[in-house]
C-alpha atoms as a PDB file:
ATOM      1  CA  UNK A   1      47.153  89.504 -87.348  1.00  0.00           C
ATOM      2  CA  UNK A   2      48.270  87.421 -84.428  1.00  0.00           C
ATOM      3  CA  UNK A   3      45.775  85.709 -82.237  1.00  0.00           C
ATOM      4  CA  UNK A   4      46.548  85.998 -78.554  1.00  0.00           C
ATOM      5  CA  UNK A   5      45.713  82.857 -76.671  1.00  0.00           C
ATOM      6  CA  UNK A   6      44.219  83.294 -73.282  1.00  0.00           C
ATOM      7  CA  UNK A   7      46.403  81.888 -70.548  1.00  0.00           C
ATOM      8  CA  UNK A   8      44.695  79.424 -68.233  1.00  0.00           C
ATOM      9  CA  UNK A   9      43.499  81.023 -65.045  1.00  0.00           C
ATOM     10  CA  UNK A  10      45.722  80.095 -62.141  1.00  0.00           C
ATOM     11  CA  UNK A  11      43.843  78.727 -59.181  1.00  0.00           C
ATOM     12  CA  UNK A  12      45.059  80.240 -55.945  1.00  0.00           C
ATOM     13  CA  UNK A  13      44.685  77.947 -52.980  1.00  0.00           C
ATOM     14  CA  UNK A  14      45.515  78.275 -49.324  1.00  0.00           C
ATOM     15  CA  UNK A  15      48.333  76.015 -48.038  1.00  0.00           C
ATOM     16  CA  UNK A  16      45.725  73.738 -46.466  1.00  0.00           C
ATOM     17  CA  UNK A  17      43.726  73.536 -49.698  1.00  0.00           C
ATOM     18  CA  UNK A  18      46.881  72.828 -51.698  1.00  0.00           C
ATOM     19  CA  UNK A  19      47.893  70.004 -49.401  1.00  0.00           C
ATOM     20  CA  UNK A  20      44.386  68.525 -49.519  1.00  0.00           C
ATOM     21  CA  UNK A  21      44.444  68.721 -53.318  1.00  0.00           C
ATOM     22  CA  UNK A  22      47.758  66.872 -53.460  1.00  0.00           C
ATOM     23  CA  UNK A  23      46.584  64.228 -51.004  1.00  0.00           C
ATOM     24  CA  UNK A  24      43.575  63.572 -53.225  1.00  0.00           C
ATOM     25  CA  UNK A  25      46.086  61.522 -55.250  1.00  0.00           C
ATOM     26  CA  UNK A  26      45.643  58.641 -52.799  1.00  0.00           C
ATOM     27  CA  UNK A  27      44.182  56.556 -55.649  1.00  0.00           C
ATOM     28  CA  UNK A  28      47.743  56.204 -56.918  1.00  0.00           C
ATOM     29  CA  UNK A  29      48.851  54.809 -53.579  1.00  0.00           C
ATOM     30  CA  UNK A  30      46.468  51.859 -53.767  1.00  0.00           C
ATOM     31  CA  UNK A  31      47.312  51.241 -57.426  1.00  0.00           C
ATOM     32  CA  UNK A  32      51.102  51.576 -57.335  1.00  0.00           C
ATOM     33  CA  UNK A  33      52.089  50.964 -53.728  1.00  0.00           C
ATOM     34  CA  UNK A  34      54.140  53.465 -51.697  1.00  0.00           C
ATOM     35  CA  UNK A  35      57.575  52.392 -52.902  1.00  0.00           C
ATOM     36  CA  UNK A  36      56.828  52.941 -56.591  1.00  0.00           C
ATOM     37  CA  UNK A  37      54.861  56.148 -56.107  1.00  0.00           C
ATOM     38  CA  UNK A  38      56.804  58.905 -57.876  1.00  0.00           C
ATOM     39  CA  UNK A  39      56.771  62.614 -57.227  1.00  0.00           C
ATOM     40  CA  UNK A  40      55.858  63.244 -60.874  1.00  0.00           C
ATOM     41  CA  UNK A  41      52.862  60.902 -60.578  1.00  0.00           C
ATOM     42  CA  UNK A  42      51.497  62.735 -57.552  1.00  0.00           C
ATOM     43  CA  UNK A  43      52.042  66.141 -59.153  1.00  0.00           C
ATOM     44  CA  UNK A  44      50.306  65.078 -62.358  1.00  0.00           C
ATOM     45  CA  UNK A  45      47.340  63.595 -60.514  1.00  0.00           C
ATOM     46  CA  UNK A  46      46.971  66.779 -58.455  1.00  0.00           C
ATOM     47  CA  UNK A  47      47.408  69.035 -61.488  1.00  0.00           C
ATOM     48  CA  UNK A  48      50.455  70.840 -60.098  1.00  0.00           C
ATOM     49  CA  UNK A  49      54.184  70.947 -60.797  1.00  0.00           C
ATOM     50  CA  UNK A  50      56.721  68.864 -58.867  1.00  0.00           C
ATOM     51  CA  UNK A  51      57.997  71.926 -57.033  1.00  0.00           C
ATOM     52  CA  UNK A  52      54.557  72.529 -55.528  1.00  0.00           C
ATOM     53  CA  UNK A  53      54.485  69.051 -54.022  1.00  0.00           C
ATOM     54  CA  UNK A  54      57.981  69.504 -52.589  1.00  0.00           C
ATOM     55  CA  UNK A  55      57.077  72.941 -51.255  1.00  0.00           C
ATOM     56  CA  UNK A  56      54.237  71.531 -49.167  1.00  0.00           C
ATOM     57  CA  UNK A  57      55.741  68.187 -48.144  1.00  0.00           C
ATOM     58  CA  UNK A  58      59.500  68.344 -48.632  1.00  0.00           C
ATOM     59  CA  UNK A  59      59.954  64.836 -50.050  1.00  0.00           C
ATOM     60  CA  UNK A  60      58.104  61.968 -51.689  1.00  0.00           C
ATOM     61  CA  UNK A  61      58.492  59.977 -48.462  1.00  0.00           C
ATOM     62  CA  UNK A  62      56.541  62.668 -46.621  1.00  0.00           C
ATOM     63  CA  UNK A  63      53.857  62.558 -49.301  1.00  0.00           C
ATOM     64  CA  UNK A  64      53.599  58.771 -48.957  1.00  0.00           C
ATOM     65  CA  UNK A  65      53.245  58.946 -45.188  1.00  0.00           C
ATOM     66  CA  UNK A  66      50.677  61.741 -45.414  1.00  0.00           C
ATOM     67  CA  UNK A  67      48.685  59.767 -47.973  1.00  0.00           C
ATOM     68  CA  UNK A  68      48.691  56.657 -45.786  1.00  0.00           C
ATOM     69  CA  UNK A  69      47.772  58.643 -42.682  1.00  0.00           C
ATOM     70  CA  UNK A  70      44.914  60.207 -44.644  1.00  0.00           C
ATOM     71  CA  UNK A  71      43.617  56.814 -45.729  1.00  0.00           C
ATOM     72  CA  UNK A  72      43.770  55.505 -42.158  1.00  0.00           C
ATOM     73  CA  UNK A  73      41.988  58.621 -40.936  1.00  0.00           C
ATOM     74  CA  UNK A  74      39.229  58.189 -43.503  1.00  0.00           C
ATOM     75  CA  UNK A  75      38.820  54.555 -42.485  1.00  0.00           C
ATOM     76  CA  UNK A  76      38.532  55.505 -38.816  1.00  0.00           C
ATOM     77  CA  UNK A  77      36.048  58.248 -39.692  1.00  0.00           C
ATOM     78  CA  UNK A  78      33.899  55.629 -41.412  1.00  0.00           C
ATOM     79  CA  UNK A  79      34.063  53.339 -38.400  1.00  0.00           C
ATOM     80  CA  UNK A  80      33.308  56.009 -35.788  1.00  0.00           C
ATOM     81  CA  UNK A  81      30.760  58.025 -37.765  1.00  0.00           C
ATOM     82  CA  UNK A  82      27.150  57.758 -36.733  1.00  0.00           C
ATOM     83  CA  UNK A  83      25.578  56.692 -33.483  1.00  0.00           C
ATOM     84  CA  UNK A  84      25.797  53.152 -32.204  1.00  0.00           C
ATOM     85  CA  UNK A  85      23.151  51.443 -30.094  1.00  0.00           C
ATOM     86  CA  UNK A  86      23.866  50.996 -26.405  1.00  0.00           C
ATOM     87  CA  UNK A  87      23.746  47.227 -26.794  1.00  0.00           C
ATOM     88  CA  UNK A  88      27.340  45.966 -27.145  1.00  0.00           C
ATOM     89  CA  UNK A  89      26.432  43.126 -29.536  1.00  0.00           C
ATOM     90  CA  UNK A  90      24.514  45.403 -31.875  1.00  0.00           C
ATOM     91  CA  UNK A  91      27.231  48.062 -31.741  1.00  0.00           C
ATOM     92  CA  UNK A  92      30.003  45.611 -32.606  1.00  0.00           C
ATOM     93  CA  UNK A  93      28.004  44.238 -35.564  1.00  0.00           C
ATOM     94  CA  UNK A  94      27.624  47.712 -37.061  1.00  0.00           C
ATOM     95  CA  UNK A  95      31.297  48.586 -36.483  1.00  0.00           C
ATOM     96  CA  UNK A  96      32.534  45.307 -37.978  1.00  0.00           C
ATOM     97  CA  UNK A  97      30.315  45.751 -41.016  1.00  0.00           C
ATOM     98  CA  UNK A  98      31.764  49.225 -41.562  1.00  0.00           C
ATOM     99  CA  UNK A  99      35.299  47.861 -41.217  1.00  0.00           C
ATOM    100  CA  UNK A 100      34.722  45.070 -43.733  1.00  0.00           C
ATOM    101  CA  UNK A 101      33.096  47.536 -46.109  1.00  0.00           C
ATOM    102  CA  UNK A 102      36.197  49.728 -45.940  1.00  0.00           C
ATOM    103  CA  UNK A 103      38.484  46.842 -46.913  1.00  0.00           C
ATOM    104  CA  UNK A 104      36.108  45.528 -49.556  1.00  0.00           C
ATOM    105  CA  UNK A 105      38.073  47.648 -52.009  1.00  0.00           C
ATOM    106  CA  UNK A 106      40.825  45.356 -53.245  1.00  0.00           C
ATOM    107  CA  UNK A 107      43.138  48.349 -53.597  1.00  0.00           C
ATOM    108  CA  UNK A 108      42.926  49.136 -49.890  1.00  0.00           C
ATOM    109  CA  UNK A 109      43.504  45.525 -48.870  1.00  0.00           C
ATOM    110  CA  UNK A 110      46.334  45.193 -51.383  1.00  0.00           C
ATOM    111  CA  UNK A 111      48.027  48.271 -49.954  1.00  0.00           C
ATOM    112  CA  UNK A 112      47.936  46.831 -46.436  1.00  0.00           C
ATOM    113  CA  UNK A 113      49.374  43.530 -47.648  1.00  0.00           C
ATOM    114  CA  UNK A 114      51.992  45.272 -49.773  1.00  0.00           C
ATOM    115  CA  UNK A 115      53.194  47.334 -46.820  1.00  0.00           C
ATOM    116  CA  UNK A 116      53.650  44.203 -44.739  1.00  0.00           C
ATOM    117  CA  UNK A 117      55.355  42.145 -47.444  1.00  0.00           C
ATOM    118  CA  UNK A 118      57.841  44.916 -48.242  1.00  0.00           C
ATOM    119  CA  UNK A 119      58.556  45.694 -44.582  1.00  0.00           C
ATOM    120  CA  UNK A 120      57.073  49.164 -45.023  1.00  0.00           C
ATOM    121  CA  UNK A 121      54.396  48.674 -42.371  1.00  0.00           C
ATOM    122  CA  UNK A 122      56.586  50.600 -39.938  1.00  0.00           C
ATOM    123  CA  UNK A 123      55.387  53.736 -41.695  1.00  0.00           C
ATOM    124  CA  UNK A 124      51.880  53.218 -40.382  1.00  0.00           C
ATOM    125  CA  UNK A 125      52.620  54.908 -37.085  1.00  0.00           C
ATOM    126  CA  UNK A 126      49.066  56.235 -36.831  1.00  0.00           C
ATOM    127  CA  UNK A 127      47.445  52.792 -36.648  1.00  0.00           C
ATOM    128  CA  UNK A 128      47.616  52.482 -32.866  1.00  0.00           C
ATOM    129  CA  UNK A 129      46.248  56.004 -32.411  1.00  0.00           C
ATOM    130  CA  UNK A 130      43.457  55.115 -34.828  1.00  0.00           C
ATOM    131  CA  UNK A 131      42.540  51.969 -32.881  1.00  0.00           C
ATOM    132  CA  UNK A 132      42.580  53.906 -29.614  1.00  0.00           C
ATOM    133  CA  UNK A 133      40.315  56.530 -31.133  1.00  0.00           C
ATOM    134  CA  UNK A 134      37.809  53.865 -32.155  1.00  0.00           C
ATOM    135  CA  UNK A 135      37.930  52.383 -28.652  1.00  0.00           C
ATOM    136  CA  UNK A 136      37.443  55.760 -26.996  1.00  0.00           C
ATOM    137  CA  UNK A 137      34.718  57.140 -29.253  1.00  0.00           C
ATOM    138  CA  UNK A 138      32.699  54.021 -29.996  1.00  0.00           C
ATOM    139  CA  UNK A 139      33.068  52.035 -26.780  1.00  0.00           C
ATOM    140  CA  UNK A 140      33.319  54.564 -23.933  1.00  0.00           C
ATOM    141  CA  UNK A 141      31.201  52.392 -21.633  1.00  0.00           C
ATOM    142  CA  UNK A 142      32.886  51.482 -18.378  1.00  0.00           C
ATOM    143  CA  UNK A 143      32.074  47.791 -18.924  1.00  0.00           C
ATOM    144  CA  UNK A 144      34.149  47.556 -22.103  1.00  0.00           C
ATOM    145  CA  UNK A 145      37.916  47.496 -21.626  1.00  0.00           C
ATOM    146  CA  UNK A 146      40.355  49.083 -24.055  1.00  0.00           C
ATOM    147  CA  UNK A 147      42.226  45.783 -24.133  1.00  0.00           C
ATOM    148  CA  UNK A 148      39.120  43.939 -25.345  1.00  0.00           C
ATOM    149  CA  UNK A 149      38.399  46.515 -28.053  1.00  0.00           C
ATOM    150  CA  UNK A 150      42.017  46.428 -29.264  1.00  0.00           C
ATOM    151  CA  UNK A 151      41.915  42.611 -29.403  1.00  0.00           C
ATOM    152  CA  UNK A 152      38.712  42.767 -31.433  1.00  0.00           C
ATOM    153  CA  UNK A 153      40.221  45.344 -33.796  1.00  0.00           C
ATOM    154  CA  UNK A 154      43.344  43.193 -34.190  1.00  0.00           C
ATOM    155  CA  UNK A 155      41.561  40.090 -35.441  1.00  0.00           C
ATOM    156  CA  UNK A 156      38.905  42.088 -37.292  1.00  0.00           C
ATOM    157  CA  UNK A 157      41.473  43.975 -39.377  1.00  0.00           C
ATOM    158  CA  UNK A 158      43.426  40.789 -40.150  1.00  0.00           C
ATOM    159  CA  UNK A 159      40.264  39.068 -41.403  1.00  0.00           C
ATOM    160  CA  UNK A 160      38.954  42.136 -43.237  1.00  0.00           C
ATOM    161  CA  UNK A 161      42.239  42.503 -45.135  1.00  0.00           C
ATOM    162  CA  UNK A 162      42.236  38.794 -46.008  1.00  0.00           C
ATOM    163  CA  UNK A 163      38.671  38.878 -47.279  1.00  0.00           C
ATOM    164  CA  UNK A 164      39.294  42.054 -49.256  1.00  0.00           C
ATOM    165  CA  UNK A 165      42.469  40.670 -50.809  1.00  0.00           C
ATOM    166  CA  UNK A 166      41.600  37.015 -51.501  1.00  0.00           C
ATOM    167  CA  UNK A 167      37.870  36.621 -50.864  1.00  0.00           C
ATOM    168  CA  UNK A 168      36.439  37.027 -54.348  1.00  0.00           C
ATOM    169  CA  UNK A 169      39.331  35.236 -56.044  1.00  0.00           C
ATOM    170  CA  UNK A 170      39.095  32.162 -53.816  1.00  0.00           C
ATOM    171  CA  UNK A 171      35.296  32.124 -54.011  1.00  0.00           C
ATOM    172  CA  UNK A 172      35.591  31.970 -57.792  1.00  0.00           C
ATOM    173  CA  UNK A 173      38.320  29.306 -57.765  1.00  0.00           C
ATOM    174  CA  UNK A 174      36.422  27.102 -55.318  1.00  0.00           C
ATOM    175  CA  UNK A 175      33.024  27.661 -56.907  1.00  0.00           C
ATOM    176  CA  UNK A 176      31.640  29.332 -53.814  1.00  0.00           C
ATOM    177  CA  UNK A 177      28.892  31.981 -53.784  1.00  0.00           C
ATOM    178  CA  UNK A 178      29.922  35.624 -53.900  1.00  0.00           C
ATOM    179  CA  UNK A 179      30.328  37.032 -50.414  1.00  0.00           C
ATOM    180  CA  UNK A 180      30.711  33.699 -48.631  1.00  0.00           C
ATOM    181  CA  UNK A 181      34.242  34.459 -47.432  1.00  0.00           C
ATOM    182  CA  UNK A 182      33.075  37.688 -45.814  1.00  0.00           C
ATOM    183  CA  UNK A 183      30.024  36.015 -44.310  1.00  0.00           C
ATOM    184  CA  UNK A 184      32.094  33.212 -42.754  1.00  0.00           C
ATOM    185  CA  UNK A 185      34.796  35.587 -41.476  1.00  0.00           C
ATOM    186  CA  UNK A 186      32.127  37.798 -39.947  1.00  0.00           C
ATOM    187  CA  UNK A 187      30.486  34.813 -38.265  1.00  0.00           C
ATOM    188  CA  UNK A 188      33.823  33.692 -36.830  1.00  0.00           C
ATOM    189  CA  UNK A 189      34.431  37.174 -35.459  1.00  0.00           C
ATOM    190  CA  UNK A 190      31.021  37.410 -33.832  1.00  0.00           C
ATOM    191  CA  UNK A 191      31.513  33.993 -32.245  1.00  0.00           C
ATOM    192  CA  UNK A 192      34.945  34.978 -30.932  1.00  0.00           C
ATOM    193  CA  UNK A 193      33.742  38.299 -29.573  1.00  0.00           C
ATOM    194  CA  UNK A 194      30.702  36.665 -28.029  1.00  0.00           C
ATOM    195  CA  UNK A 195      32.984  34.368 -26.047  1.00  0.00           C
ATOM    196  CA  UNK A 196      34.686  37.352 -24.452  1.00  0.00           C
ATOM    197  CA  UNK A 197      32.686  38.823 -21.636  1.00  0.00           C
ATOM    198  CA  UNK A 198      33.293  42.578 -21.292  1.00  0.00           C
ATOM    199  CA  UNK A 199      35.505  43.285 -18.290  1.00  0.00           C
ATOM    200  CA  UNK A 200      36.081  46.506 -16.352  1.00  0.00           C
ATOM    201  CA  UNK A 201      38.774  48.815 -17.663  1.00  0.00           C
ATOM    202  CA  UNK A 202      42.155  48.459 -15.991  1.00  0.00           C
ATOM    203  CA  UNK A 203      42.542  50.753 -13.008  1.00  0.00           C
ATOM    204  CA  UNK A 204      38.806  50.875 -12.246  1.00  0.00           C
END
């Protein structure tokens, strides 16, 4: 008497759900880096076959870009989520803390550094749009110029990536307390920002 094995139930997803499921493989992006991310790796992580990934994205390059755009979007969502106080100093402190928290993961900071060192940063075409979104949604006040917010984001991201990538390692090597690199970088940022008086937006 033969025993018939039950076939696993196939999960039917909408195209949007399928794409979201595939993009949940972003963990691989921070571990492997975009250039070494293989189609088979993404398919395995998502629990689908290679053809499914290609059907929804067309190529591994498209998957890589979508994964990076998703990560940037999630970072921006973290920065812009929640209400900020009207006071500019208090608002910037909360936003900077959120930004540093996002890059505290060494994988995220390593990805940013890897993209730059391998000349792949050109793929991050959504970065400027992300910065503009932060400026528009978190600092809509007429007294805060877009130029000032973009300058703050520029130096804040550079420092946040550096702290996330090297902070703990250098603290250990130099016998410094945990978190000192972040604390000092944050203090430098606040001092820099405090020296810049908000100016009217251009055209006003």
